[in-house]
C-alpha atoms as a PDB file:
ATOM      1  CA  MET A   1     140.788  45.670-170.535  1.00  0.00           C
ATOM      2  CA  ALA A   2     139.089  48.234-173.071  1.00  0.00           C
ATOM      3  CA  LEU A   3     139.804  51.724-173.097  1.00  0.00           C
ATOM      4  CA  PRO A   4     136.295  53.641-171.873  1.00  0.00           C
ATOM      5  CA  VAL A   5     135.050  55.055-174.693  1.00  0.00           C
ATOM      6  CA  GLY A   6     132.331  57.400-175.956  1.00  0.00           C
ATOM      7  CA  GLY A   7     130.009  59.440-173.912  1.00  0.00           C
ATOM      8  CA  GLY A   8     131.921  63.087-174.612  1.00  0.00           C
ATOM      9  CA  ARG A   9     130.223  66.050-176.887  1.00  0.00           C
ATOM     10  CA  PRO A  10     132.070  69.311-177.513  1.00  0.00           C
ATOM     11  CA  LEU A  11     130.834  72.070-175.148  1.00  0.00           C
ATOM     12  CA  LEU A  12     130.312  74.030-178.098  1.00  0.00           C
ATOM     13  CA  GLU A  13     127.492  71.903-179.548  1.00  0.00           C
ATOM     14  CA  ILE A  14     126.337  71.387-175.713  1.00  0.00           C
ATOM     15  CA  ALA A  15     125.912  74.997-175.513  1.00  0.00           C
ATOM     16  CA  ALA A  16     124.281  75.205-178.533  1.00  0.00           C
ATOM     17  CA  ALA A  17     122.144  72.290-177.923  1.00  0.00           C
ATOM     18  CA  ILE A  18     120.629  74.152-174.980  1.00  0.00           C
ATOM     19  CA  ARG A  19     120.074  77.411-176.458  1.00  0.00           C
ATOM     20  CA  TYR A  20     118.605  76.843-179.816  1.00  0.00           C
ATOM     21  CA  GLU A  21     117.343  72.726-180.072  1.00  0.00           C
ATOM     22  CA  ARG A  22     113.844  72.979-180.218  1.00  0.00           C
ATOM     23  CA  ARG A  23     112.939  69.075-180.416  1.00  0.00           C
ATOM     24  CA  LYS A  24     112.140  66.894-177.162  1.00  0.00           C
ATOM     25  CA  PHE A  25     115.048  64.851-175.381  1.00  0.00           C
ATOM     26  CA  GLY A  26     112.956  63.182-172.985  1.00  0.00           C
ATOM     27  CA  SER A  27     112.575  64.124-169.668  1.00  0.00           C
ATOM     28  CA  GLY A  28     114.268  67.484-168.609  1.00  0.00           C
ATOM     29  CA  ARG A  29     114.080  71.027-167.181  1.00  0.00           C
ATOM     30  CA  ARG A  30     111.879  72.905-169.438  1.00  0.00           C
ATOM     31  CA  ARG A  31     112.845  76.859-170.122  1.00  0.00           C
ATOM     32  CA  THR A  32     111.616  79.701-172.515  1.00  0.00           C
ATOM     33  CA  ASP A  33     114.335  81.665-174.852  1.00  0.00           C
ATOM     34  CA  ALA A  34     113.906  84.963-175.800  1.00  0.00           C
ATOM     35  CA  GLN A  35     111.394  84.241-178.809  1.00  0.00           C
ATOM     36  CA  GLY A  36     109.274  82.020-176.236  1.00  0.00           C
ATOM     37  CA  VAL A  37     110.570  78.667-177.779  1.00  0.00           C
ATOM     38  CA  LYS A  38     110.094  75.862-175.369  1.00  0.00           C
ATOM     39  CA  LEU A  39     113.335  74.007-174.880  1.00  0.00           C
ATOM     40  CA  GLU A  40     113.748  70.897-173.279  1.00  0.00           C
ATOM     41  CA  PHE A  41     117.328  70.655-170.788  1.00  0.00           C
ATOM     42  CA  ASN A  42     118.665  67.347-171.143  1.00  0.00           C
ATOM     43  CA  GLN A  43     119.735  66.054-167.978  1.00  0.00           C
ATOM     44  CA  ASP A  44     122.856  64.459-169.396  1.00  0.00           C
ATOM     45  CA  LEU A  45     123.847  67.959-171.118  1.00  0.00           C
ATOM     46  CA  LEU A  46     123.839  69.359-167.646  1.00  0.00           C
ATOM     47  CA  ASP A  47     125.826  66.870-166.082  1.00  0.00           C
ATOM     48  CA  ARG A  48     128.571  67.365-168.841  1.00  0.00           C
ATOM     49  CA  LEU A  49     128.294  70.768-168.494  1.00  0.00           C
ATOM     50  CA  ALA A  50     129.009  70.538-164.603  1.00  0.00           C
ATOM     51  CA  VAL A  51     131.579  68.248-165.056  1.00  0.00           C
ATOM     52  CA  ARG A  52     133.466  69.941-167.449  1.00  0.00           C
ATOM     53  CA  GLN A  53     133.194  72.984-165.185  1.00  0.00           C
ATOM     54  CA  LEU A  54     134.339  71.137-162.250  1.00  0.00           C
ATOM     55  CA  ILE A  55     137.532  70.129-164.184  1.00  0.00           C
ATOM     56  CA  ASP A  56     138.269  73.839-165.064  1.00  0.00           C
ATOM     57  CA  ASN A  57     137.627  74.583-160.858  1.00  0.00           C
ATOM     58  CA  TRP A  58     139.901  72.450-160.340  1.00  0.00           C
ATOM     59  CA  VAL A  59     142.984  73.883-162.150  1.00  0.00           C
ATOM     60  CA  LEU A  60     142.060  77.737-162.056  1.00  0.00           C
ATOM     61  CA  TRP A  61     141.472  77.763-158.005  1.00  0.00           C
ATOM     62  CA  ARG A  62     144.234  75.488-157.273  1.00  0.00           C
ATOM     63  CA  ASP A  63     146.927  77.479-159.521  1.00  0.00           C
ATOM     64  CA  SER A  64     145.619  80.793-158.173  1.00  0.00           C
ATOM     65  CA  GLY A  65     145.693  79.522-154.650  1.00  0.00           C
ATOM     66  CA  PHE A  66     142.074  80.195-154.059  1.00  0.00           C
ATOM     67  CA  TRP A  67     142.186  77.697-151.076  1.00  0.00           C
ATOM     68  CA  GLU A  68     138.694  77.571-150.023  1.00  0.00           C
ATOM     69  CA  ARG A  69     137.245  77.448-153.401  1.00  0.00           C
ATOM     70  CA  PHE A  70     139.488  74.578-153.719  1.00  0.00           C
ATOM     71  CA  ARG A  71     138.262  72.994-151.258  1.00  0.00           C
ATOM     72  CA  THR A  72     134.687  72.874-152.612  1.00  0.00           C
ATOM     73  CA  VAL A  73     135.928  70.477-155.540  1.00  0.00           C
ATOM     74  CA  TRP A  74     136.301  67.426-153.130  1.00  0.00           C
ATOM     75  CA  TRP A  75     133.794  65.198-151.721  1.00  0.00           C
ATOM     76  CA  PRO A  76     135.253  64.955-147.558  1.00  0.00           C
ATOM     77  CA  GLU A  77     137.233  61.713-148.247  1.00  0.00           C
ATOM     78  CA  GLY A  78     138.095  62.875-151.999  1.00  0.00           C
ATOM     79  CA  LYS A  79     141.956  61.920-152.557  1.00  0.00           C
ATOM     80  CA  MET A  80     144.499  63.408-155.004  1.00  0.00           C
ATOM     81  CA  MET A  81     147.121  61.123-156.298  1.00  0.00           C
ATOM     82  CA  ALA A  82     150.349  63.180-157.607  1.00  0.00           C
ATOM     83  CA  THR A  83     153.950  62.336-157.812  1.00  0.00           C
ATOM     84  CA  TRP A  84     154.776  64.024-154.704  1.00  0.00           C
ATOM     85  CA  THR A  85     151.790  63.547-152.661  1.00  0.00           C
ATOM     86  CA  GLN A  86     149.140  61.528-152.123  1.00  0.00           C
ATOM     87  CA  GLY A  87     146.547  62.467-149.609  1.00  0.00           C
ATOM     88  CA  THR A  88     142.626  63.898-149.437  1.00  0.00           C
ATOM     89  CA  GLY A  89     141.746  67.068-150.782  1.00  0.00           C
ATOM     90  CA  ASP A  90     142.388  68.857-147.037  1.00  0.00           C
ATOM     91  CA  GLU A  91     145.574  67.249-146.845  1.00  0.00           C
ATOM     92  CA  PHE A  92     146.172  68.154-150.664  1.00  0.00           C
ATOM     93  CA  ILE A  93     145.465  71.695-149.803  1.00  0.00           C
ATOM     94  CA  GLU A  94     147.915  71.934-146.915  1.00  0.00           C
ATOM     95  CA  MET A  95     150.854  70.577-148.583  1.00  0.00           C
ATOM     96  CA  ASN A  96     150.195  73.038-151.840  1.00  0.00           C
ATOM     97  CA  LYS A  97     149.935  75.852-149.114  1.00  0.00           C
ATOM     98  CA  LYS A  98     153.284  74.798-147.534  1.00  0.00           C
ATOM     99  CA  GLY A  99     154.812  74.323-151.283  1.00  0.00           C
ATOM    100  CA  TRP A 100     153.859  77.916-151.845  1.00  0.00           C
ATOM    101  CA  ASP A 101     155.262  79.515-148.799  1.00  0.00           C
ATOM    102  CA  SER A 102     158.529  77.627-149.454  1.00  0.00           C
ATOM    103  CA  GLY A 103     158.623  78.634-153.317  1.00  0.00           C
ATOM    104  CA  VAL A 104     157.396  75.730-155.284  1.00  0.00           C
ATOM    105  CA  ASN A 105     156.084  76.599-158.366  1.00  0.00           C
ATOM    106  CA  ILE A 106     153.611  74.113-159.852  1.00  0.00           C
ATOM    107  CA  LEU A 107     150.793  75.185-162.651  1.00  0.00           C
ATOM    108  CA  HIS A 108     148.681  73.365-164.955  1.00  0.00           C
ATOM    109  CA  PHE A 109     146.706  73.885-168.322  1.00  0.00           C
ATOM    110  CA  GLN A 110     144.222  71.726-169.831  1.00  0.00           C
ATOM    111  CA  GLY A 111     142.725  70.603-173.139  1.00  0.00           C
ATOM    112  CA  ALA A 112     140.456  68.071-174.721  1.00  0.00           C
ATOM    113  CA  HIS A 113     138.243  66.225-172.351  1.00  0.00           C
ATOM    114  CA  PHE A 114     135.561  63.841-172.366  1.00  0.00           C
ATOM    115  CA  ALA A 115     133.404  61.833-169.500  1.00  0.00           C
ATOM    116  CA  ASP A 116     131.754  59.001-169.124  1.00  0.00           C
ATOM    117  CA  ILE A 117     128.444  59.114-167.029  1.00  0.00           C
ATOM    118  CA  SER A 118     126.592  56.680-165.277  1.00  0.00           C
ATOM    119  CA  GLY A 119     123.939  57.918-163.125  1.00  0.00           C
ATOM    120  CA  HIS A 120     125.573  59.656-160.246  1.00  0.00           C
ATOM    121  CA  ARG A 121     128.923  58.389-161.156  1.00  0.00           C
ATOM    122  CA  ALA A 122     131.316  59.346-163.722  1.00  0.00           C
ATOM    123  CA  ILE A 123     134.971  58.911-164.990  1.00  0.00           C
ATOM    124  CA  ALA A 124     136.646  62.063-166.804  1.00  0.00           C
ATOM    125  CA  GLN A 125     139.577  62.264-168.895  1.00  0.00           C
ATOM    126  CA  THR A 126     141.204  65.867-169.525  1.00  0.00           C
ATOM    127  CA  LYS A 127     144.357  66.474-171.215  1.00  0.00           C
ATOM    128  CA  MET A 128     146.527  68.365-169.654  1.00  0.00           C
ATOM    129  CA  HIS A 129     150.368  69.731-168.767  1.00  0.00           C
ATOM    130  CA  ILE A 130     151.768  70.228-165.812  1.00  0.00           C
ATOM    131  CA  SER A 131     154.486  72.826-165.666  1.00  0.00           C
ATOM    132  CA  GLN A 132     157.227  73.039-162.786  1.00  0.00           C
ATOM    133  CA  ARG A 133     160.308  75.285-162.367  1.00  0.00           C
ATOM    134  CA  ALA A 134     163.220  74.831-159.810  1.00  0.00           C
ATOM    135  CA  VAL A 135     166.876  75.003-159.574  1.00  0.00           C
ATOM    136  CA  VAL A 136     168.329  71.577-160.401  1.00  0.00           C
ATOM    137  CA  GLU A 137     171.930  71.027-160.047  1.00  0.00           C
ATOM    138  CA  GLY A 138     172.625  74.753-159.990  1.00  0.00           C
ATOM    139  CA  VAL A 139     170.281  75.469-163.190  1.00  0.00           C
ATOM    140  CA  LEU A 140     167.010  77.077-163.235  1.00  0.00           C
ATOM    141  CA  VAL A 141     164.920  74.910-165.376  1.00  0.00           C
ATOM    142  CA  ASP A 142     161.176  74.359-166.434  1.00  0.00           C
ATOM    143  CA  VAL A 143     159.786  70.325-166.357  1.00  0.00           C
ATOM    144  CA  VAL A 144     156.872  70.139-168.719  1.00  0.00           C
ATOM    145  CA  CYS A 145     154.699  66.860-168.355  1.00  0.00           C
ATOM    146  CA  THR A 146     152.335  65.792-170.902  1.00  0.00           C
ATOM    147  CA  GLY A 147     149.294  63.997-169.874  1.00  0.00           C
ATOM    148  CA  ARG A 148     145.805  63.045-168.603  1.00  0.00           C
ATOM    149  CA  PHE A 149     143.788  64.126-165.640  1.00  0.00           C
ATOM    150  CA  TYR A 150     141.768  60.844-164.940  1.00  0.00           C
ATOM    151  CA  ASP A 151     139.121  61.734-162.243  1.00  0.00           C
ATOM    152  CA  PHE A 152     136.430  59.584-160.371  1.00  0.00           C
ATOM    153  CA  LEU A 153     133.581  62.009-159.804  1.00  0.00           C
ATOM    154  CA  GLU A 154     130.483  61.470-158.028  1.00  0.00           C
ATOM    155  CA  LYS A 155     126.975  63.615-157.876  1.00  0.00           C
ATOM    156  CA  ARG A 156     125.420  63.991-154.550  1.00  0.00           C
ATOM    157  CA  ASP A 157     122.261  65.663-153.675  1.00  0.00           C
ATOM    158  CA  GLY A 158     122.623  68.293-157.054  1.00  0.00           C
ATOM    159  CA  PRO A 159     126.498  68.868-157.279  1.00  0.00           C
ATOM    160  CA  TRP A 160     129.670  66.789-158.610  1.00  0.00           C
ATOM    161  CA  GLY A 161     132.610  66.503-156.693  1.00  0.00           C
ATOM    162  CA  PHE A 162     136.274  64.483-156.693  1.00  0.00           C
ATOM    163  CA  VAL A 163     136.144  61.378-155.251  1.00  0.00           C
ATOM    164  CA  LEU A 164     139.567  60.683-156.665  1.00  0.00           C
ATOM    165  CA  ARG A 165     141.967  62.375-158.942  1.00  0.00           C
ATOM    166  CA  GLN A 166     144.749  60.220-160.588  1.00  0.00           C
ATOM    167  CA  PRO A 167     147.089  62.053-163.593  1.00  0.00           C
ATOM    168  CA  ILE A 168     148.595  59.811-166.109  1.00  0.00           C
ATOM    169  CA  TYR A 169     151.655  60.620-166.975  1.00  0.00           C
ATOM    170  CA  GLU A 170     152.773  60.204-170.524  1.00  0.00           C
ATOM    171  CA  LYS A 171     155.910  62.066-171.521  1.00  0.00           C
ATOM    172  CA  ASP A 172     157.975  65.056-170.008  1.00  0.00           C
ATOM    173  CA  ARG A 173     161.346  67.484-170.592  1.00  0.00           C
ATOM    174  CA  MET A 174     163.328  69.618-168.691  1.00  0.00           C
ATOM    175  CA  ASP A 175     164.530  72.908-170.590  1.00  0.00           C
ATOM    176  CA  PRO A 176     167.038  75.515-169.054  1.00  0.00           C
ATOM    177  CA  VAL A 177     165.202  78.979-168.695  1.00  0.00           C
ATOM    178  CA  ASN A 178     168.387  81.009-169.585  1.00  0.00           C
ATOM    179  CA  SER A 179     169.902  79.616-172.763  1.00  0.00           C
ATOM    180  CA  GLY A 180     173.396  78.335-172.895  1.00  0.00           C
ATOM    181  CA  GLU A 181     173.061  76.685-169.096  1.00  0.00           C
ATOM    182  CA  VAL A 182     172.790  73.181-169.431  1.00  0.00           C
ATOM    183  CA  PRO A 183     172.383  71.195-165.904  1.00  0.00           C
ATOM    184  CA  LYS A 184     174.249  67.955-165.510  1.00  0.00           C
ATOM    185  CA  LEU A 185     171.766  65.345-164.416  1.00  0.00           C
ATOM    186  CA  ASP A 186     172.686  61.969-162.433  1.00  0.00           C
ATOM    187  CA  ARG A 187     172.079  59.543-165.478  1.00  0.00           C
ATOM    188  CA  ALA A 188     171.272  56.603-163.187  1.00  0.00           C
ATOM    189  CA  LEU A 189     168.810  58.507-160.900  1.00  0.00           C
ATOM    190  CA  LEU A 190     166.922  60.080-163.838  1.00  0.00           C
ATOM    191  CA  GLU A 191     166.600  56.573-165.388  1.00  0.00           C
ATOM    192  CA  SER A 192     165.142  55.073-161.895  1.00  0.00           C
ATOM    193  CA  PHE A 193     162.051  57.360-162.566  1.00  0.00           C
ATOM    194  CA  PRO A 194     159.429  55.697-165.183  1.00  0.00           C
ATOM    195  CA  GLU A 195     159.585  57.292-168.428  1.00  0.00           C
ATOM    196  CA  GLY A 196     156.643  59.395-168.551  1.00  0.00           C
ATOM    197  CA  TYR A 197     157.681  61.527-165.781  1.00  0.00           C
ATOM    198  CA  ARG A 198     161.069  60.832-165.220  1.00  0.00           C
ATOM    199  CA  HIS A 199     162.367  64.798-165.322  1.00  0.00           C
ATOM    200  CA  LEU A 200     159.564  65.829-163.471  1.00  0.00           C
ATOM    201  CA  ALA A 201     160.294  63.176-160.596  1.00  0.00           C
ATOM    202  CA  TYR A 202     163.937  64.334-160.755  1.00  0.00           C
ATOM    203  CA  LEU A 203     163.269  67.941-160.048  1.00  0.00           C
ATOM    204  CA  GLN A 204     160.900  66.779-157.247  1.00  0.00           C
ATOM    205  CA  SER A 205     163.162  64.448-155.827  1.00  0.00           C
ATOM    206  CA  LYS A 206     166.048  67.528-155.953  1.00  0.00           C
ATOM    207  CA  ILE A 207     163.963  69.400-153.633  1.00  0.00           C
ATOM    208  CA  GLY A 208     163.357  67.033-151.380  1.00  0.00           C
ATOM    209  CA  PHE A 209     160.140  65.392-151.891  1.00  0.00           C
ATOM    210  CA  ALA A 210     159.675  61.533-152.175  1.00  0.00           C
ATOM    211  CA  VAL A 211     158.395  60.338-155.551  1.00  0.00           C
ATOM    212  CA  LYS A 212     156.381  57.957-156.259  1.00  0.00           C
ATOM    213  CA  LYS A 213     157.421  55.791-158.481  1.00  0.00           C
ATOM    214  CA  ASN A 214     154.332  53.629-159.763  1.00  0.00           C
ATOM    215  CA  MET A 215     152.277  56.208-161.380  1.00  0.00           C
ATOM    216  CA  PRO A 216     150.217  55.265-164.916  1.00  0.00           C
ATOM    217  CA  GLY A 217     151.788  56.431-168.064  1.00  0.00           C
ATOM    218  CA  LEU A 218     150.717  56.229-171.580  1.00  0.00           C
ATOM    219  CA  LYS A 219     150.986  52.469-172.348  1.00  0.00           C
ATOM    220  CA  GLY A 220     151.721  49.615-169.907  1.00  0.00           C
ATOM    221  CA  GLU A 221     149.882  47.496-166.963  1.00  0.00           C
ATOM    222  CA  ARG A 222     149.551  50.269-164.485  1.00  0.00           C
ATOM    223  CA  VAL A 223     147.434  52.379-166.513  1.00  0.00           C
ATOM    224  CA  ALA A 224     145.278  49.277-167.665  1.00  0.00           C
ATOM    225  CA  GLN A 225     144.661  48.488-164.153  1.00  0.00           C
ATOM    226  CA  LEU A 226     143.334  52.144-163.899  1.00  0.00           C
ATOM    227  CA  TYR A 227     140.834  51.619-167.240  1.00  0.00           C
ATOM    228  CA  ALA A 228     139.722  48.457-165.181  1.00  0.00           C
ATOM    229  CA  ALA A 229     139.083  50.349-162.037  1.00  0.00           C
ATOM    230  CA  GLY A 230     137.471  52.938-163.911  1.00  0.00           C
ATOM    231  CA  ASP A 231     135.001  50.565-165.462  1.00  0.00           C
ATOM    232  CA  LYS A 232     134.314  48.957-161.991  1.00  0.00           C
ATOM    233  CA  TRP A 233     133.577  52.652-160.239  1.00  0.00           C
ATOM    234  CA  LEU A 234     131.097  53.224-163.477  1.00  0.00           C
ATOM    235  CA  LYS A 235     129.455  49.783-162.744  1.00  0.00           C
ATOM    236  CA  GLY A 236     128.796  50.737-159.139  1.00  0.00           C
ATOM    237  CA  GLU A 237     131.439  49.131-157.439  1.00  0.00           C
ATOM    238  CA  PRO A 238     133.566  50.380-154.575  1.00  0.00           C
ATOM    239  CA  LEU A 239     136.547  52.490-155.571  1.00  0.00           C
ATOM    240  CA  ALA A 240     139.322  50.203-156.696  1.00  0.00           C
ATOM    241  CA  TRP A 241     142.044  52.562-156.712  1.00  0.00           C
ATOM    242  CA  GLY A 242     144.433  54.670-154.692  1.00  0.00           C
ATOM    243  CA  HIS A 243     145.069  52.017-151.942  1.00  0.00           C
ATOM    244  CA  ASP A 244     148.589  51.457-152.506  1.00  0.00           C
END
């Protein structure tokens, strides 16, 4: 199955187009700038801005603990597929609240982004880091996992929202917070987890979570299945992911 391609434009380019573009793009929202120049607001550009804002809101509101704001990014049936929990947006929020209260420390950072948009549906991919701090084998460590958020999105009566978020776990590492302290890891347990997130999974298993072991990585059959589900979503077919 071919990887999703095309569709993305840099946000600076989009912003510049909205502010200064004078030629007509087709049907869109017409506004007038400070110089009295009539502009055509292309719906595709507006959708891309809205999708990117949605992606950014997810990270900022989740990591800040703004739970009621965070709740607004999900459609009622929206689902989160994480290594340590899988469930609806509401269930994910409750799990995060409990985690915060018990000292679970997980943060996110985002980078490059693109979206394939087909009518009222979209697949968005965004580079990300997941960072988690905890005591592992008696040593305080940070685990950083590099990957992508792969998002099934839908626009309903105007706004965009999450139908499903599936991280792709590409590689990770574990570092002691205090130089010179080295945790002695159980090699058999570490290697029982997929390569892309084995250190993250090790940490999460050690603090009591049942870690899902079939998450997609950078390569392989599992991520190919995810891309195929994304293709079906953009064609208007029912959601074909997150049921196992």
